[in-house]
């Protein structure tokens, strides 16, 4: 009995320490896209990873960037990189579908395997707190769909890239590679 109590206490202390180490930028919880009960804590899901946060939309001129985002995710995943997609209907009502429809579209049309989270507001008075924080640390909210925020392994903001910067853009790729090399 004493051993079981010690084990439970140890697990609890480890969890508390992990919570205490969470970057304030990633200290948010979201449901994976179209899940109804499960929530993921960003700082746990992306611990020690470089993350590219992108507000996405399925009916936008930039929608083909899904293909490049998935390619980036696949290329650098084993080095500690992830893309995190947040569908949003804030710009031109270009993400009108349900979360299930969005998930099916992304998976079937572009083969998206990177984490996608619940549909979110990214601008305005009703903006999700994560995007409010991203706008605060970067100096600007997204101006359109497929805006990109790069976050380092330490959970700190690195750079922001507007929608027109494609996933293949040398400046974005260089920033990702530099972030992956940091603290090695």
C-alpha atoms as a PDB file:
ATOM      1  CA  UNK A   1       0.000   0.000   0.000  1.00  0.00           C
ATOM      2  CA  UNK A   2       2.807   2.418   0.931  1.00  0.00           C
ATOM      3  CA  UNK A   3       4.574   1.717  -2.384  1.00  0.00           C
ATOM      4  CA  UNK A   4       1.389   2.463  -4.332  1.00  0.00           C
ATOM      5  CA  UNK A   5       0.935   5.765  -2.501  1.00  0.00           C
ATOM      6  CA  UNK A   6       4.563   6.698  -3.172  1.00  0.00           C
ATOM      7  CA  UNK A   7       4.158   5.850  -6.839  1.00  0.00           C
ATOM      8  CA  UNK A   8       1.001   7.958  -7.131  1.00  0.00           C
ATOM      9  CA  UNK A   9       2.674  10.852  -5.339  1.00  0.00           C
ATOM     10  CA  UNK A  10       5.696  10.617  -7.649  1.00  0.00           C
ATOM     11  CA  UNK A  11       3.497  10.641 -10.770  1.00  0.00           C
ATOM     12  CA  UNK A  12       1.534  13.605  -9.411  1.00  0.00           C
ATOM     13  CA  UNK A  13       4.756  15.542  -8.666  1.00  0.00           C
ATOM     14  CA  UNK A  14       6.125  14.839 -12.131  1.00  0.00           C
ATOM     15  CA  UNK A  15       2.870  16.072 -13.689  1.00  0.00           C
ATOM     16  CA  UNK A  16       2.961  19.211 -11.537  1.00  0.00           C
ATOM     17  CA  UNK A  17       6.566  19.896 -12.545  1.00  0.00           C
ATOM     18  CA  UNK A  18       5.668  19.479 -16.218  1.00  0.00           C
ATOM     19  CA  UNK A  19       2.758  21.911 -15.792  1.00  0.00           C
ATOM     20  CA  UNK A  20       5.034  24.411 -14.062  1.00  0.00           C
ATOM     21  CA  UNK A  21       7.520  24.248 -16.973  1.00  0.00           C
ATOM     22  CA  UNK A  22       4.875  24.932 -19.596  1.00  0.00           C
ATOM     23  CA  UNK A  23       5.486  28.019 -21.704  1.00  0.00           C
ATOM     24  CA  UNK A  24       2.716  30.570 -21.245  1.00  0.00           C
ATOM     25  CA  UNK A  25       2.477  30.738 -25.029  1.00  0.00           C
ATOM     26  CA  UNK A  26       1.526  27.048 -25.256  1.00  0.00           C
ATOM     27  CA  UNK A  27      -0.432  26.784 -22.014  1.00  0.00           C
ATOM     28  CA  UNK A  28      -3.760  26.088 -23.736  1.00  0.00           C
ATOM     29  CA  UNK A  29      -5.976  23.048 -24.284  1.00  0.00           C
ATOM     30  CA  UNK A  30      -7.821  22.171 -27.502  1.00  0.00           C
ATOM     31  CA  UNK A  31      -9.825  19.315 -28.849  1.00  0.00           C
ATOM     32  CA  UNK A  32      -8.356  17.558 -31.849  1.00  0.00           C
ATOM     33  CA  UNK A  33     -10.494  18.323 -34.887  1.00  0.00           C
ATOM     34  CA  UNK A  34     -13.948  16.730 -34.707  1.00  0.00           C
ATOM     35  CA  UNK A  35     -13.298  15.081 -31.327  1.00  0.00           C
ATOM     36  CA  UNK A  36     -15.967  15.889 -28.766  1.00  0.00           C
ATOM     37  CA  UNK A  37     -14.441  14.908 -25.439  1.00  0.00           C
ATOM     38  CA  UNK A  38     -10.683  14.546 -25.646  1.00  0.00           C
ATOM     39  CA  UNK A  39      -8.559  17.674 -25.143  1.00  0.00           C
ATOM     40  CA  UNK A  40      -4.862  18.085 -25.806  1.00  0.00           C
ATOM     41  CA  UNK A  41      -2.676  20.435 -23.812  1.00  0.00           C
ATOM     42  CA  UNK A  42      -0.425  22.140 -26.353  1.00  0.00           C
ATOM     43  CA  UNK A  43       2.648  22.352 -24.133  1.00  0.00           C
ATOM     44  CA  UNK A  44       2.470  18.603 -23.494  1.00  0.00           C
ATOM     45  CA  UNK A  45       1.675  17.615 -27.070  1.00  0.00           C
ATOM     46  CA  UNK A  46       4.461  19.802 -28.463  1.00  0.00           C
ATOM     47  CA  UNK A  47       7.019  19.501 -25.630  1.00  0.00           C
ATOM     48  CA  UNK A  48      10.549  20.095 -26.946  1.00  0.00           C
ATOM     49  CA  UNK A  49       9.273  20.546 -30.504  1.00  0.00           C
ATOM     50  CA  UNK A  50       9.419  23.369 -32.980  1.00  0.00           C
ATOM     51  CA  UNK A  51       5.811  24.148 -33.944  1.00  0.00           C
ATOM     52  CA  UNK A  52       4.362  25.984 -36.921  1.00  0.00           C
ATOM     53  CA  UNK A  53       0.870  27.209 -35.960  1.00  0.00           C
ATOM     54  CA  UNK A  54      -1.360  27.932 -38.959  1.00  0.00           C
ATOM     55  CA  UNK A  55      -4.932  29.227 -39.194  1.00  0.00           C
ATOM     56  CA  UNK A  56      -6.441  27.268 -42.049  1.00  0.00           C
ATOM     57  CA  UNK A  57      -9.489  27.340 -44.334  1.00  0.00           C
ATOM     58  CA  UNK A  58     -10.808  24.860 -46.894  1.00  0.00           C
ATOM     59  CA  UNK A  59     -12.233  27.270 -49.461  1.00  0.00           C
ATOM     60  CA  UNK A  60      -9.407  29.789 -49.814  1.00  0.00           C
ATOM     61  CA  UNK A  61      -6.964  30.560 -52.596  1.00  0.00           C
ATOM     62  CA  UNK A  62      -4.229  29.518 -50.155  1.00  0.00           C
ATOM     63  CA  UNK A  63      -5.863  26.141 -49.376  1.00  0.00           C
ATOM     64  CA  UNK A  64      -3.352  24.240 -51.579  1.00  0.00           C
ATOM     65  CA  UNK A  65      -0.765  25.149 -48.912  1.00  0.00           C
ATOM     66  CA  UNK A  66      -2.110  22.130 -46.998  1.00  0.00           C
ATOM     67  CA  UNK A  67       0.022  19.986 -49.305  1.00  0.00           C
ATOM     68  CA  UNK A  68       3.195  21.913 -48.511  1.00  0.00           C
ATOM     69  CA  UNK A  69       2.407  22.033 -44.792  1.00  0.00           C
ATOM     70  CA  UNK A  70       1.995  18.254 -44.738  1.00  0.00           C
ATOM     71  CA  UNK A  71       5.280  17.878 -46.652  1.00  0.00           C
ATOM     72  CA  UNK A  72       7.067  20.082 -44.077  1.00  0.00           C
ATOM     73  CA  UNK A  73       5.530  18.097 -41.244  1.00  0.00           C
ATOM     74  CA  UNK A  74       6.615  14.779 -42.789  1.00  0.00           C
ATOM     75  CA  UNK A  75      10.112  16.041 -43.681  1.00  0.00           C
ATOM     76  CA  UNK A  76      10.998  17.396 -40.227  1.00  0.00           C
ATOM     77  CA  UNK A  77       8.741  15.399 -37.873  1.00  0.00           C
ATOM     78  CA  UNK A  78      11.505  12.998 -36.819  1.00  0.00           C
ATOM     79  CA  UNK A  79      13.728  15.972 -35.980  1.00  0.00           C
ATOM     80  CA  UNK A  80      11.209  17.426 -33.516  1.00  0.00           C
ATOM     81  CA  UNK A  81       8.930  19.545 -35.707  1.00  0.00           C
ATOM     82  CA  UNK A  82       5.151  19.712 -36.005  1.00  0.00           C
ATOM     83  CA  UNK A  83       2.569  21.730 -37.868  1.00  0.00           C
ATOM     84  CA  UNK A  84      -0.550  22.595 -35.850  1.00  0.00           C
ATOM     85  CA  UNK A  85      -3.616  23.613 -37.853  1.00  0.00           C
ATOM     86  CA  UNK A  86      -6.505  25.665 -36.497  1.00  0.00           C
ATOM     87  CA  UNK A  87      -9.407  25.956 -38.944  1.00  0.00           C
ATOM     88  CA  UNK A  88     -11.074  29.349 -38.864  1.00  0.00           C
ATOM     89  CA  UNK A  89     -14.032  30.909 -40.631  1.00  0.00           C
ATOM     90  CA  UNK A  90     -12.905  34.471 -39.817  1.00  0.00           C
ATOM     91  CA  UNK A  91     -11.770  35.505 -43.292  1.00  0.00           C
ATOM     92  CA  UNK A  92     -14.303  35.563 -46.099  1.00  0.00           C
ATOM     93  CA  UNK A  93     -16.342  32.768 -44.474  1.00  0.00           C
ATOM     94  CA  UNK A  94     -13.973  30.337 -46.204  1.00  0.00           C
ATOM     95  CA  UNK A  95     -14.270  27.597 -43.571  1.00  0.00           C
ATOM     96  CA  UNK A  96     -18.056  27.156 -43.265  1.00  0.00           C
ATOM     97  CA  UNK A  97     -18.106  23.379 -42.791  1.00  0.00           C
ATOM     98  CA  UNK A  98     -18.458  21.315 -39.668  1.00  0.00           C
ATOM     99  CA  UNK A  99     -15.332  20.000 -37.990  1.00  0.00           C
ATOM    100  CA  UNK A 100     -16.062  16.541 -39.426  1.00  0.00           C
ATOM    101  CA  UNK A 101     -16.344  17.998 -42.940  1.00  0.00           C
ATOM    102  CA  UNK A 102     -13.083  19.918 -42.459  1.00  0.00           C
ATOM    103  CA  UNK A 103     -11.292  16.805 -41.211  1.00  0.00           C
ATOM    104  CA  UNK A 104     -12.528  14.716 -44.146  1.00  0.00           C
ATOM    105  CA  UNK A 105     -11.596  17.427 -46.652  1.00  0.00           C
ATOM    106  CA  UNK A 106      -8.066  17.830 -45.266  1.00  0.00           C
ATOM    107  CA  UNK A 107      -7.456  14.113 -45.059  1.00  0.00           C
ATOM    108  CA  UNK A 108      -8.986  13.045 -48.363  1.00  0.00           C
ATOM    109  CA  UNK A 109      -7.942  16.005 -50.513  1.00  0.00           C
ATOM    110  CA  UNK A 110      -4.487  16.790 -49.139  1.00  0.00           C
ATOM    111  CA  UNK A 111      -3.527  13.759 -47.050  1.00  0.00           C
ATOM    112  CA  UNK A 112      -3.131  15.897 -43.935  1.00  0.00           C
ATOM    113  CA  UNK A 113      -1.710  13.951 -41.006  1.00  0.00           C
ATOM    114  CA  UNK A 114      -0.388  16.851 -38.933  1.00  0.00           C
ATOM    115  CA  UNK A 115      -2.447  17.759 -35.846  1.00  0.00           C
ATOM    116  CA  UNK A 116      -5.559  19.786 -36.551  1.00  0.00           C
ATOM    117  CA  UNK A 117      -7.528  21.296 -33.699  1.00  0.00           C
ATOM    118  CA  UNK A 118     -11.034  22.590 -33.115  1.00  0.00           C
ATOM    119  CA  UNK A 119     -12.386  25.387 -35.269  1.00  0.00           C
ATOM    120  CA  UNK A 120     -11.282  28.676 -33.706  1.00  0.00           C
ATOM    121  CA  UNK A 121     -11.727  32.426 -33.958  1.00  0.00           C
ATOM    122  CA  UNK A 122      -8.347  34.010 -34.671  1.00  0.00           C
ATOM    123  CA  UNK A 123      -9.182  37.730 -34.856  1.00  0.00           C
ATOM    124  CA  UNK A 124     -11.459  40.296 -33.274  1.00  0.00           C
ATOM    125  CA  UNK A 125     -13.096  40.617 -29.884  1.00  0.00           C
ATOM    126  CA  UNK A 126     -14.020  36.927 -29.849  1.00  0.00           C
ATOM    127  CA  UNK A 127     -10.549  35.683 -30.826  1.00  0.00           C
ATOM    128  CA  UNK A 128      -9.359  32.570 -29.082  1.00  0.00           C
ATOM    129  CA  UNK A 129      -6.906  33.368 -26.223  1.00  0.00           C
ATOM    130  CA  UNK A 130      -4.106  31.410 -27.949  1.00  0.00           C
ATOM    131  CA  UNK A 131      -4.371  33.608 -31.035  1.00  0.00           C
ATOM    132  CA  UNK A 132      -4.643  36.729 -28.882  1.00  0.00           C
ATOM    133  CA  UNK A 133      -1.354  35.693 -27.234  1.00  0.00           C
ATOM    134  CA  UNK A 134       0.258  34.903 -30.600  1.00  0.00           C
ATOM    135  CA  UNK A 135      -0.774  38.332 -31.914  1.00  0.00           C
ATOM    136  CA  UNK A 136       0.599  39.966 -28.775  1.00  0.00           C
ATOM    137  CA  UNK A 137       4.038  38.305 -28.903  1.00  0.00           C
ATOM    138  CA  UNK A 138       4.401  38.605 -32.682  1.00  0.00           C
ATOM    139  CA  UNK A 139       3.116  42.137 -33.063  1.00  0.00           C
ATOM    140  CA  UNK A 140       0.195  41.183 -35.296  1.00  0.00           C
ATOM    141  CA  UNK A 141      -2.895  39.070 -35.720  1.00  0.00           C
ATOM    142  CA  UNK A 142      -3.423  37.048 -38.887  1.00  0.00           C
ATOM    143  CA  UNK A 143      -4.512  39.187 -41.812  1.00  0.00           C
ATOM    144  CA  UNK A 144      -5.917  36.213 -43.729  1.00  0.00           C
ATOM    145  CA  UNK A 145      -6.062  32.425 -43.812  1.00  0.00           C
ATOM    146  CA  UNK A 146      -2.803  30.443 -43.654  1.00  0.00           C
ATOM    147  CA  UNK A 147      -0.902  32.922 -41.510  1.00  0.00           C
ATOM    148  CA  UNK A 148       1.989  31.096 -39.839  1.00  0.00           C
ATOM    149  CA  UNK A 149       3.588  31.469 -36.392  1.00  0.00           C
ATOM    150  CA  UNK A 150       6.829  29.643 -35.643  1.00  0.00           C
ATOM    151  CA  UNK A 151       7.406  28.622 -32.018  1.00  0.00           C
ATOM    152  CA  UNK A 152      10.702  27.214 -30.729  1.00  0.00           C
ATOM    153  CA  UNK A 153      11.396  24.097 -28.668  1.00  0.00           C
ATOM    154  CA  UNK A 154      11.348  26.286 -25.563  1.00  0.00           C
ATOM    155  CA  UNK A 155       7.783  27.400 -26.320  1.00  0.00           C
ATOM    156  CA  UNK A 156       8.854  30.916 -27.261  1.00  0.00           C
ATOM    157  CA  UNK A 157       7.776  32.843 -30.359  1.00  0.00           C
ATOM    158  CA  UNK A 158      10.368  32.940 -33.151  1.00  0.00           C
ATOM    159  CA  UNK A 159       8.762  34.450 -36.252  1.00  0.00           C
ATOM    160  CA  UNK A 160       5.529  35.170 -38.081  1.00  0.00           C
ATOM    161  CA  UNK A 161       4.900  34.618 -41.777  1.00  0.00           C
ATOM    162  CA  UNK A 162       1.978  36.078 -43.751  1.00  0.00           C
ATOM    163  CA  UNK A 163      -0.354  33.943 -45.847  1.00  0.00           C
ATOM    164  CA  UNK A 164       1.516  34.553 -49.091  1.00  0.00           C
ATOM    165  CA  UNK A 165       4.626  32.855 -47.684  1.00  0.00           C
ATOM    166  CA  UNK A 166       4.288  29.274 -48.859  1.00  0.00           C
ATOM    167  CA  UNK A 167       5.495  26.275 -46.866  1.00  0.00           C
ATOM    168  CA  UNK A 168       8.277  25.834 -49.436  1.00  0.00           C
ATOM    169  CA  UNK A 169       9.527  29.427 -49.079  1.00  0.00           C
ATOM    170  CA  UNK A 170      13.274  29.413 -48.333  1.00  0.00           C
ATOM    171  CA  UNK A 171      12.867  31.962 -45.510  1.00  0.00           C
ATOM    172  CA  UNK A 172      10.335  29.751 -43.712  1.00  0.00           C
ATOM    173  CA  UNK A 173      12.318  26.550 -44.284  1.00  0.00           C
ATOM    174  CA  UNK A 174      15.519  28.253 -43.055  1.00  0.00           C
ATOM    175  CA  UNK A 175      13.752  29.503 -39.928  1.00  0.00           C
ATOM    176  CA  UNK A 176      12.440  25.996 -39.188  1.00  0.00           C
ATOM    177  CA  UNK A 177      15.861  24.426 -39.726  1.00  0.00           C
ATOM    178  CA  UNK A 178      17.557  27.033 -37.503  1.00  0.00           C
ATOM    179  CA  UNK A 179      14.982  26.449 -34.760  1.00  0.00           C
ATOM    180  CA  UNK A 180      15.544  22.696 -34.974  1.00  0.00           C
ATOM    181  CA  UNK A 181      19.301  23.210 -34.591  1.00  0.00           C
ATOM    182  CA  UNK A 182      18.937  25.513 -31.579  1.00  0.00           C
ATOM    183  CA  UNK A 183      19.946  23.993 -28.237  1.00  0.00           C
ATOM    184  CA  UNK A 184      21.239  20.746 -29.749  1.00  0.00           C
END
